[in-house]
Amino acid sequence: MPDETVNQSFPEVLRAKRSLAGLTQQALADLSNVSTRTIRDLEAGRANARIQTIHLLADALRLAGPARDSFVHAGVRGFVHPGVRGEAPGPPRVAMPKPVNALVGREKEVRAIVDALGSGRSRITPLSGLPGVGKTRVAAEVAAQLSAGYGWPVLWIDEGMRSQVRLDTSLSPVLRSLHSVLERNAAGLARVRQFLRDREALIVLDAVAEGAEPLGIEELLASCPALRVISTTRIPWQVAGVESAVISPLAIPPGGQGGDLSPDDLVRVPSARLFLSRLSEVRPEFDLTPANARAAAEMCRRLDGLPLALEAAARRFRVLSLRQLAEAPMVDLLDLSLPARSAASASAGSQTLAGLLEHSVGQHNAQAQVMLRRLAMLEEGVTAADVVRLLRRPVHVVLDELGVLIGSGLVLSSPGEPTLLNVPNLVRAFLARAADPSG
């Protein structure tokens, strides 16, 4: 049977699918977590649908298989960024990670990075943060939106790809040359320059340029004025004029007195929405109630809203109740096994949260590790001035090291006045156990 949506615009497809499902715009908004105004503007052709919005609508319409594929294709096909002329661009030209679930709670970060790279205000955006915070997932969403909106080919390279490049001569010559660029190979740099030159393209370096500098990418950016670059690293790049965008853990439910939320309010908190979604995947009969909402909120707070940690905890829901999870000692949470598909665990060679944190802390120099351990022993909410007084070291040295720790996600920085510094619960627990393994 031919696909009747091929020649239809996304507004037409959306209206048809909503009518077929017997939903009003308000009902679809309630089911999808997309505002009624957005749905109204999409159906009227006054707005473009972001990739995540398309998937949320597809979920709410219960589309699957070919019907879902054609719906998503119609949404991507119809997205043309303001200022882009010509036919709507096709999909990315090389394989990228294919997420199995919708991205949760990253709308602001994705929008800001897409706008910065798409407008040309920035040509390179390093994403840093704790392992398991979702850097790769954010990079994939940004790349998909930029490719859909601007028609840019995406050259995605990660540690697995670098190994594959050595073995597979059938891979794109550009990707093989890009691998050479990362190792400062002059011939490889010349080939990539020749291919890209004035072409608009996006390179994504996923955990292949950790630490002090992005290897040969600076030279490539200087030679190819239309090139954009995204990288994911655990330690922010130390390059003049380049600032990492720190991907923080998802927002957590409020704690303390008056912090209990109703089930309806709890599902609006990004970390809780992700955690509850994963709980439902493990046990489809799970139903959020006022009785178990407190335990769910407590787990989000104890795990700092770290997506990978929440996914790992949800897997224990097969054998433990939510209350048992929430009351588990922190040392047990550190030993949570990570999902097999986790790129973070694969790159660190670790299978537990403790292993990931050990790898992340170990990437810093001795002075930074001393600072982190001292911070972890303090009460929450200290200022940079407090740290300077505590360590009795030059101000500029302390601030530089704090900046690196914040960029790595090992220290959290509040946006208020004054700026308060906190060490995440999981990091505190790991450092305490490392200092006293018998405890």
Protein backbone atom coordinates (compact mmCIF):
# COMPACT_ATOMS: atom_id res chain seq x y z
CA MET A 1 0.00 0.00 0.00
CA PRO A 2 1.55 3.35 -1.02
CA ASP A 3 2.49 5.86 1.65
CA GLU A 4 -0.10 8.61 1.36
CA THR A 5 2.00 11.05 3.40
CA VAL A 6 4.84 11.25 0.86
CA ASN A 7 3.42 14.31 -0.88
CA GLN A 8 1.79 15.86 2.19
CA SER A 9 3.25 18.63 4.30
CA PHE A 10 3.88 18.04 8.00
CA PRO A 11 0.92 20.25 9.02
CA GLU A 12 -1.34 18.08 6.84
CA VAL A 13 0.13 14.85 8.21
CA LEU A 14 -0.19 16.02 11.82
CA ARG A 15 -3.82 17.11 11.38
CA ALA A 16 -4.70 13.82 9.66
CA LYS A 17 -3.06 11.64 12.30
CA ARG A 18 -4.64 13.61 15.16
CA SER A 19 -8.10 13.37 13.57
CA LEU A 20 -7.66 9.65 12.92
CA ALA A 21 -6.78 9.17 16.61
CA GLY A 22 -9.92 11.10 17.61
CA LEU A 23 -7.95 13.70 19.57
CA THR A 24 -8.45 17.41 19.97
CA GLN A 25 -5.43 19.69 19.98
CA GLN A 26 -5.77 19.99 23.77
CA ALA A 27 -5.95 16.20 24.21
CA LEU A 28 -2.85 15.70 22.07
CA ALA A 29 -1.06 18.39 24.09
CA ASP A 30 -1.92 16.60 27.34
CA LEU A 31 -0.65 13.27 26.03
CA SER A 32 2.53 14.56 24.41
CA ASN A 33 3.74 17.22 26.87
CA VAL A 34 3.78 19.62 23.89
CA SER A 35 1.87 22.86 24.41
CA THR A 36 -1.48 23.41 22.72
CA ARG A 37 -0.13 26.60 21.16
CA THR A 38 2.78 24.71 19.62
CA ILE A 39 0.46 22.08 18.15
CA ARG A 40 -1.81 24.83 16.80
CA ASP A 41 1.16 26.61 15.18
CA LEU A 42 2.50 23.36 13.72
CA GLU A 43 -0.83 22.47 12.14
CA ALA A 44 -1.11 26.00 10.73
CA GLY A 45 2.40 25.85 9.27
CA ARG A 46 3.58 28.77 11.40
CA ALA A 47 6.33 26.83 13.20
CA ASN A 48 8.94 24.15 12.62
CA ALA A 49 8.86 20.97 14.70
CA ARG A 50 12.06 20.12 16.56
CA ILE A 51 13.22 16.52 16.37
CA GLN A 52 12.23 15.83 19.96
CA THR A 53 8.81 17.41 19.46
CA ILE A 54 8.18 15.15 16.45
CA HIS A 55 8.99 12.06 18.51
CA LEU A 56 6.85 13.21 21.45
CA LEU A 57 3.89 13.70 19.11
CA ALA A 58 4.51 10.31 17.50
CA ASP A 59 4.52 8.69 20.95
CA ALA A 60 1.27 10.40 21.90
CA LEU A 61 -0.35 9.33 18.60
CA ARG A 62 0.88 5.77 19.23
CA LEU A 63 2.58 5.57 15.86
CA ALA A 64 4.89 2.65 15.21
CA GLY A 65 6.69 0.97 12.34
CA PRO A 66 6.31 2.48 8.86
CA ALA A 67 3.60 4.89 10.04
CA ARG A 68 5.95 6.38 12.60
CA ASP A 69 8.85 6.50 10.13
CA SER A 70 6.76 8.42 7.58
CA PHE A 71 5.49 10.80 10.27
CA VAL A 72 9.02 11.58 11.49
CA HIS A 73 10.27 11.91 7.91
CA ALA A 74 7.49 14.38 7.13
CA GLY A 75 8.50 16.47 10.14
CA VAL A 76 12.21 16.46 9.29
CA ARG A 77 11.51 16.99 5.58
CA GLY A 78 9.46 20.05 6.38
CA PHE A 79 12.04 21.70 8.63
CA VAL A 80 13.88 24.47 6.83
CA HIS A 81 15.75 26.93 9.03
CA PRO A 82 15.02 30.61 8.42
CA GLY A 83 17.51 31.90 5.87
CA VAL A 84 18.05 28.50 4.22
CA ARG A 85 17.03 28.39 0.57
CA GLY A 86 16.33 25.54 -1.81
CA GLU A 87 14.83 22.13 -1.23
CA ALA A 88 14.56 20.65 2.22
CA PRO A 89 17.77 18.78 3.01
CA GLY A 90 18.09 15.07 3.49
CA PRO A 91 19.23 13.12 6.54
CA PRO A 92 22.79 13.01 7.88
CA ARG A 93 25.18 11.40 5.43
CA VAL A 94 27.00 9.16 7.87
CA ALA A 95 25.71 6.98 10.68
CA MET A 96 25.18 8.59 14.07
CA PRO A 97 24.06 6.98 17.33
CA LYS A 98 20.40 6.04 17.05
CA PRO A 99 18.70 6.76 20.40
CA VAL A 100 16.02 4.31 21.46
CA ASN A 101 14.18 6.85 23.64
CA ALA A 102 13.23 10.51 23.41
CA LEU A 103 15.64 13.02 24.88
CA VAL A 104 14.38 14.27 28.25
CA GLY A 105 14.95 17.65 29.83
CA ARG A 106 17.57 19.02 27.42
CA GLU A 107 15.46 21.44 25.37
CA LYS A 108 17.31 24.58 26.50
CA GLU A 109 20.79 23.15 26.00
CA VAL A 110 19.98 21.76 22.56
CA ARG A 111 18.30 24.97 21.43
CA ALA A 112 21.22 27.11 22.59
CA ILE A 113 23.85 24.96 20.87
CA VAL A 114 21.85 24.66 17.63
CA ASP A 115 21.34 28.43 17.55
CA ALA A 116 25.01 29.18 18.28
CA LEU A 117 26.39 26.83 15.63
CA GLY A 118 23.66 27.46 13.08
CA SER A 119 23.95 31.24 13.28
CA GLY A 120 27.76 31.15 13.11
CA ARG A 121 28.19 32.84 16.50
CA SER A 122 30.24 29.77 17.39
CA ARG A 123 32.06 27.33 15.14
CA ILE A 124 33.16 24.91 17.82
CA THR A 125 31.28 23.72 20.90
CA PRO A 126 32.94 21.31 23.32
CA LEU A 127 30.47 19.57 25.66
CA SER A 128 31.93 18.51 29.00
CA GLY A 129 30.55 16.99 32.18
CA LEU A 130 30.32 13.89 34.34
CA PRO A 131 30.38 10.49 32.65
CA GLY A 132 26.82 9.34 32.09
CA VAL A 133 25.35 12.85 32.08
CA GLY A 134 24.27 12.54 28.43
CA LYS A 135 26.89 14.42 26.41
CA THR A 136 26.75 11.99 23.49
CA ARG A 137 22.95 12.06 23.49
CA VAL A 138 22.89 15.87 23.39
CA ALA A 139 25.50 15.92 20.62
CA ALA A 140 23.42 13.46 18.56
CA GLU A 141 20.29 15.58 18.93
CA VAL A 142 22.11 18.77 17.99
CA ALA A 143 23.70 17.07 14.98
CA ALA A 144 20.34 15.71 13.81
CA GLN A 145 18.69 19.12 14.05
CA LEU A 146 21.54 20.92 12.29
CA SER A 147 21.61 18.32 9.52
CA ALA A 148 17.83 18.49 9.09
CA GLY A 149 17.68 22.27 9.24
CA TYR A 150 20.74 23.21 7.19
CA GLY A 151 21.50 20.15 5.10
CA TRP A 152 24.97 19.80 6.59
CA PRO A 153 26.66 16.41 6.24
CA VAL A 154 27.65 15.04 9.64
CA LEU A 155 31.04 13.40 10.13
CA TRP A 156 30.74 11.49 13.41
CA ILE A 157 33.82 9.87 14.90
CA ASP A 158 34.20 8.15 18.26
CA GLU A 159 36.64 5.72 19.84
CA GLY A 160 34.92 2.77 18.20
CA MET A 161 35.05 4.51 14.83
CA ARG A 162 38.76 5.28 15.22
CA SER A 163 39.49 1.61 15.75
CA GLN A 164 37.24 0.68 12.85
CA VAL A 165 38.94 3.21 10.59
CA ARG A 166 42.23 1.35 11.01
CA LEU A 167 40.63 -1.91 9.91
CA ASP A 168 37.94 -1.05 7.39
CA THR A 169 39.17 0.46 4.13
CA SER A 170 35.59 0.68 2.84
CA LEU A 171 34.85 3.58 5.19
CA SER A 172 34.55 7.03 3.72
CA PRO A 173 37.99 8.40 2.75
CA VAL A 174 37.01 11.61 4.52
CA LEU A 175 36.46 9.78 7.81
CA ARG A 176 39.75 7.93 7.41
CA SER A 177 41.50 11.21 6.73
CA LEU A 178 39.78 12.81 9.71
CA HIS A 179 41.21 10.05 11.87
CA SER A 180 44.64 11.10 10.59
CA VAL A 181 43.92 14.73 11.44
CA LEU A 182 43.26 13.76 15.04
CA GLU A 183 46.76 12.32 15.15
CA ARG A 184 48.23 15.42 13.51
CA ASN A 185 48.99 13.67 10.25
CA ALA A 186 49.86 16.37 7.70
CA ALA A 187 48.71 14.34 4.70
CA GLY A 188 45.37 13.56 6.35
CA LEU A 189 44.86 17.22 7.20
CA ALA A 190 45.50 18.21 3.59
CA ARG A 191 42.95 15.67 2.30
CA VAL A 192 40.21 16.84 4.69
CA ARG A 193 40.97 20.47 3.85
CA GLN A 194 40.59 19.70 0.16
CA PHE A 195 37.28 17.92 0.70
CA LEU A 196 35.71 20.51 2.99
CA ARG A 197 37.28 23.83 2.02
CA ASP A 198 34.20 26.06 1.60
CA ARG A 199 31.63 23.33 2.23
CA GLU A 200 29.35 23.56 5.23
CA ALA A 201 29.69 20.46 7.36
CA LEU A 202 29.56 19.33 10.98
CA ILE A 203 32.21 17.18 12.64
CA VAL A 204 31.31 15.46 15.92
CA LEU A 205 34.19 14.12 18.02
CA ASP A 206 32.70 11.86 20.68
CA ALA A 207 35.21 11.30 23.50
CA VAL A 208 38.21 11.27 21.17
CA ALA A 209 39.82 14.58 22.15
CA GLU A 210 39.97 14.54 25.93
CA GLY A 211 42.04 16.99 27.90
CA ALA A 212 44.22 19.91 26.99
CA GLU A 213 43.62 20.51 23.27
CA PRO A 214 41.59 19.23 20.32
CA LEU A 215 44.64 18.02 18.40
CA GLY A 216 44.45 18.99 14.69
CA ILE A 217 40.98 20.51 14.77
CA GLU A 218 42.21 24.08 15.26
CA GLU A 219 44.15 23.93 12.01
CA LEU A 220 41.14 22.41 10.24
CA LEU A 221 38.82 25.18 11.46
CA ALA A 222 41.29 27.82 10.27
CA SER A 223 41.37 26.26 6.79
CA CYS A 224 37.65 25.50 6.41
CA PRO A 225 35.59 28.62 7.26
CA ALA A 226 32.19 26.89 6.87
CA LEU A 227 33.05 23.97 9.17
CA ARG A 228 31.42 23.47 12.59
CA VAL A 229 32.67 21.12 15.33
CA ILE A 230 31.07 19.54 18.40
CA SER A 231 33.09 17.47 20.83
CA THR A 232 32.26 15.56 23.99
CA THR A 233 34.91 15.43 26.72
CA ARG A 234 35.05 14.79 30.44
CA ILE A 235 37.67 17.44 31.04
CA PRO A 236 36.97 20.79 29.32
CA TRP A 237 39.29 21.80 26.51
CA GLN A 238 41.98 24.30 27.48
CA VAL A 239 42.13 26.27 24.24
CA ALA A 240 42.23 30.06 23.89
CA GLY A 241 38.84 31.41 22.89
CA VAL A 242 37.03 28.09 23.33
CA GLU A 243 34.72 27.57 26.29
CA SER A 244 33.09 24.22 27.03
CA ALA A 245 29.35 24.01 27.47
CA VAL A 246 28.98 22.05 30.70
CA ILE A 247 26.16 19.49 30.50
CA SER A 248 24.79 19.34 34.02
CA PRO A 249 22.71 16.53 35.53
CA LEU A 250 18.95 16.80 35.06
CA ALA A 251 17.01 19.03 37.44
CA ILE A 252 15.95 17.19 40.60
CA PRO A 253 12.82 17.47 42.77
CA PRO A 254 13.05 19.95 45.65
CA GLY A 255 14.05 18.47 48.99
CA GLY A 256 13.60 19.39 52.61
CA GLN A 257 10.47 20.66 54.31
CA GLY A 258 7.63 21.11 51.86
CA GLY A 259 9.58 19.28 49.16
CA ASP A 260 7.10 16.46 48.57
CA LEU A 261 5.46 16.67 45.17
CA SER A 262 2.25 15.16 43.92
CA PRO A 263 2.57 12.56 41.14
CA ASP A 264 1.34 15.12 38.60
CA ASP A 265 3.97 17.65 39.71
CA LEU A 266 6.74 15.07 39.98
CA VAL A 267 6.47 13.99 36.33
CA ARG A 268 7.21 17.58 35.30
CA VAL A 269 10.70 17.39 36.87
CA PRO A 270 13.16 16.19 34.18
CA SER A 271 15.11 13.71 36.33
CA ALA A 272 11.91 12.21 37.70
CA ARG A 273 10.37 11.99 34.23
CA LEU A 274 13.40 10.03 33.00
CA PHE A 275 13.52 7.78 36.08
CA LEU A 276 9.80 7.02 35.99
CA SER A 277 9.99 6.24 32.29
CA ARG A 278 12.77 3.71 32.91
CA LEU A 279 10.86 2.17 35.84
CA SER A 280 7.88 1.64 33.55
CA GLU A 281 10.12 -0.04 30.99
CA VAL A 282 11.35 -2.50 33.63
CA ARG A 283 7.87 -3.13 35.06
CA PRO A 284 5.10 -2.02 32.68
CA GLU A 285 2.47 -2.41 35.39
CA PHE A 286 4.17 0.28 37.52
CA ASP A 287 1.84 3.08 38.58
CA LEU A 288 3.04 6.27 40.25
CA THR A 289 1.04 7.03 43.39
CA PRO A 290 1.34 9.51 46.27
CA ALA A 291 2.68 6.60 48.34
CA ASN A 292 5.68 5.88 46.11
CA ALA A 293 6.25 9.38 44.68
CA ARG A 294 8.37 10.36 47.69
CA ALA A 295 10.71 7.41 47.19
CA ALA A 296 11.04 8.20 43.47
CA ALA A 297 11.89 11.83 44.26
CA GLU A 298 14.43 10.75 46.88
CA MET A 299 16.20 8.49 44.37
CA CYS A 300 16.49 11.38 41.90
CA ARG A 301 18.04 13.56 44.61
CA ARG A 302 20.43 10.88 45.90
CA LEU A 303 21.63 10.14 42.37
CA ASP A 304 22.02 13.85 41.57
CA GLY A 305 19.75 13.62 38.50
CA LEU A 306 22.56 11.80 36.63
CA PRO A 307 20.82 10.03 33.73
CA LEU A 308 23.07 6.96 33.61
CA ALA A 309 22.79 6.48 37.39
CA LEU A 310 18.98 6.73 37.20
CA GLU A 311 18.89 4.15 34.43
CA ALA A 312 21.15 1.83 36.43
CA ALA A 313 18.96 2.19 39.54
CA ALA A 314 15.80 1.53 37.53
CA ARG A 315 17.18 -1.87 36.49
CA ARG A 316 17.20 -2.89 40.18
CA PHE A 317 13.45 -2.26 40.23
CA ARG A 318 13.04 -5.80 38.90
CA VAL A 319 13.91 -7.16 42.36
CA LEU A 320 13.58 -4.23 44.78
CA SER A 321 10.74 -1.87 45.63
CA LEU A 322 11.10 1.89 45.23
CA ARG A 323 11.31 2.26 49.00
CA GLN A 324 14.10 -0.32 49.19
CA LEU A 325 15.99 1.52 46.46
CA ALA A 326 15.58 4.87 48.22
CA GLU A 327 16.81 3.43 51.53
CA ALA A 328 19.83 1.61 50.06
CA PRO A 329 23.22 2.76 51.43
CA MET A 330 25.16 5.04 49.11
CA VAL A 331 27.92 2.45 48.90
CA ASP A 332 25.44 0.07 47.29
CA LEU A 333 24.40 2.71 44.78
CA LEU A 334 28.03 3.19 43.79
CA ASP A 335 28.14 -0.49 42.86
CA LEU A 336 25.14 -0.29 40.54
CA SER A 337 25.88 -2.11 37.29
CA LEU A 338 25.66 0.05 34.21
CA PRO A 339 23.46 -0.66 31.18
CA ALA A 340 25.32 -2.73 28.62
CA ARG A 341 24.72 -0.15 25.90
CA SER A 342 26.39 2.62 27.92
CA ALA A 343 29.08 4.35 25.85
CA ALA A 344 30.36 5.95 29.04
CA SER A 345 31.10 2.60 30.66
CA ALA A 346 32.67 1.23 27.50
CA SER A 347 35.03 4.17 27.09
CA ALA A 348 36.10 4.07 30.72
CA GLY A 349 36.46 0.30 30.79
CA SER A 350 34.18 0.19 33.82
CA GLN A 351 30.92 -1.55 34.63
CA THR A 352 29.80 0.34 37.76
CA LEU A 353 29.14 3.94 38.79
CA ALA A 354 32.16 3.77 41.12
CA GLY A 355 34.35 2.70 38.22
CA LEU A 356 33.19 5.63 36.11
CA LEU A 357 33.85 8.10 38.93
CA GLU A 358 37.27 6.61 39.62
CA HIS A 359 38.20 7.11 35.96
CA SER A 360 36.83 10.66 35.93
CA VAL A 361 38.60 11.76 39.13
CA GLY A 362 41.80 10.07 38.03
CA GLN A 363 42.03 12.24 34.91
CA HIS A 364 42.80 15.29 37.07
CA ASN A 365 46.18 16.26 38.46
CA ALA A 366 47.12 15.72 42.10
CA GLN A 367 46.37 19.30 43.17
CA ALA A 368 42.87 19.23 41.68
CA GLN A 369 42.18 15.90 43.38
CA VAL A 370 43.30 17.32 46.74
CA MET A 371 40.97 20.29 46.22
CA LEU A 372 38.08 17.98 45.35
CA ARG A 373 38.60 15.84 48.45
CA ARG A 374 38.72 18.93 50.68
CA LEU A 375 35.55 20.29 49.09
CA ALA A 376 33.78 16.98 49.61
CA MET A 377 34.43 17.19 53.35
CA LEU A 378 32.79 20.63 53.62
CA GLU A 379 29.14 21.43 54.03
CA GLU A 380 27.19 22.10 50.88
CA GLY A 381 27.06 25.62 49.51
CA VAL A 382 30.59 27.00 49.97
CA THR A 383 31.90 29.91 47.91
CA ALA A 384 35.12 30.24 45.95
CA ALA A 385 36.37 32.63 48.63
CA ASP A 386 35.81 29.89 51.23
CA VAL A 387 37.93 27.51 49.15
CA VAL A 388 40.74 30.07 48.79
CA ARG A 389 40.81 30.58 52.57
CA LEU A 390 40.74 26.83 53.17
CA LEU A 391 43.58 25.94 50.82
CA ARG A 392 45.72 29.06 51.36
CA ARG A 393 46.88 29.07 47.76
CA PRO A 394 46.98 31.91 45.18
CA VAL A 395 43.51 33.01 44.12
CA HIS A 396 44.13 32.57 40.39
CA VAL A 397 45.36 28.99 40.88
CA VAL A 398 42.32 28.04 42.97
CA LEU A 399 39.90 29.63 40.51
CA ASP A 400 41.52 27.92 37.53
CA GLU A 401 41.35 24.51 39.19
CA LEU A 402 37.77 25.10 40.32
CA GLY A 403 36.88 25.96 36.73
CA VAL A 404 38.24 22.63 35.50
CA LEU A 405 36.44 20.67 38.24
CA ILE A 406 33.18 22.46 37.43
CA GLY A 407 33.69 21.82 33.73
CA SER A 408 34.15 18.13 34.51
CA GLY A 409 30.95 18.01 36.54
CA LEU A 410 32.78 16.92 39.70
CA VAL A 411 31.77 20.21 41.32
CA LEU A 412 28.38 21.84 40.76
CA SER A 413 28.07 25.63 40.53
CA SER A 414 24.84 27.47 41.28
CA PRO A 415 23.89 30.37 38.99
CA GLY A 416 22.84 32.63 41.88
CA GLU A 417 24.56 35.42 43.79
CA PRO A 418 26.82 34.52 45.44
CA THR A 419 27.79 31.48 43.37
CA LEU A 420 27.71 28.42 45.62
CA LEU A 421 29.73 25.28 45.02
CA ASN A 422 28.59 21.74 45.81
CA VAL A 423 30.04 18.29 45.30
CA PRO A 424 27.46 15.79 43.92
CA ASN A 425 26.25 13.09 46.32
CA LEU A 426 27.71 10.28 44.24
CA VAL A 427 31.11 11.97 44.07
CA ARG A 428 31.10 12.57 47.84
CA ALA A 429 30.25 8.92 48.46
CA PHE A 430 32.95 7.71 46.09
CA LEU A 431 35.64 9.89 47.66
CA ALA A 432 34.60 8.82 51.17
CA ARG A 433 34.85 5.16 50.22
CA ALA A 434 38.18 5.71 48.47
CA ALA A 435 39.54 7.34 51.63
CA ASP A 436 38.27 4.49 53.83
CA PRO A 437 37.73 1.31 51.76
CA SER A 438 36.80 -0.67 54.90
CA GLY A 439 33.89 1.71 55.58
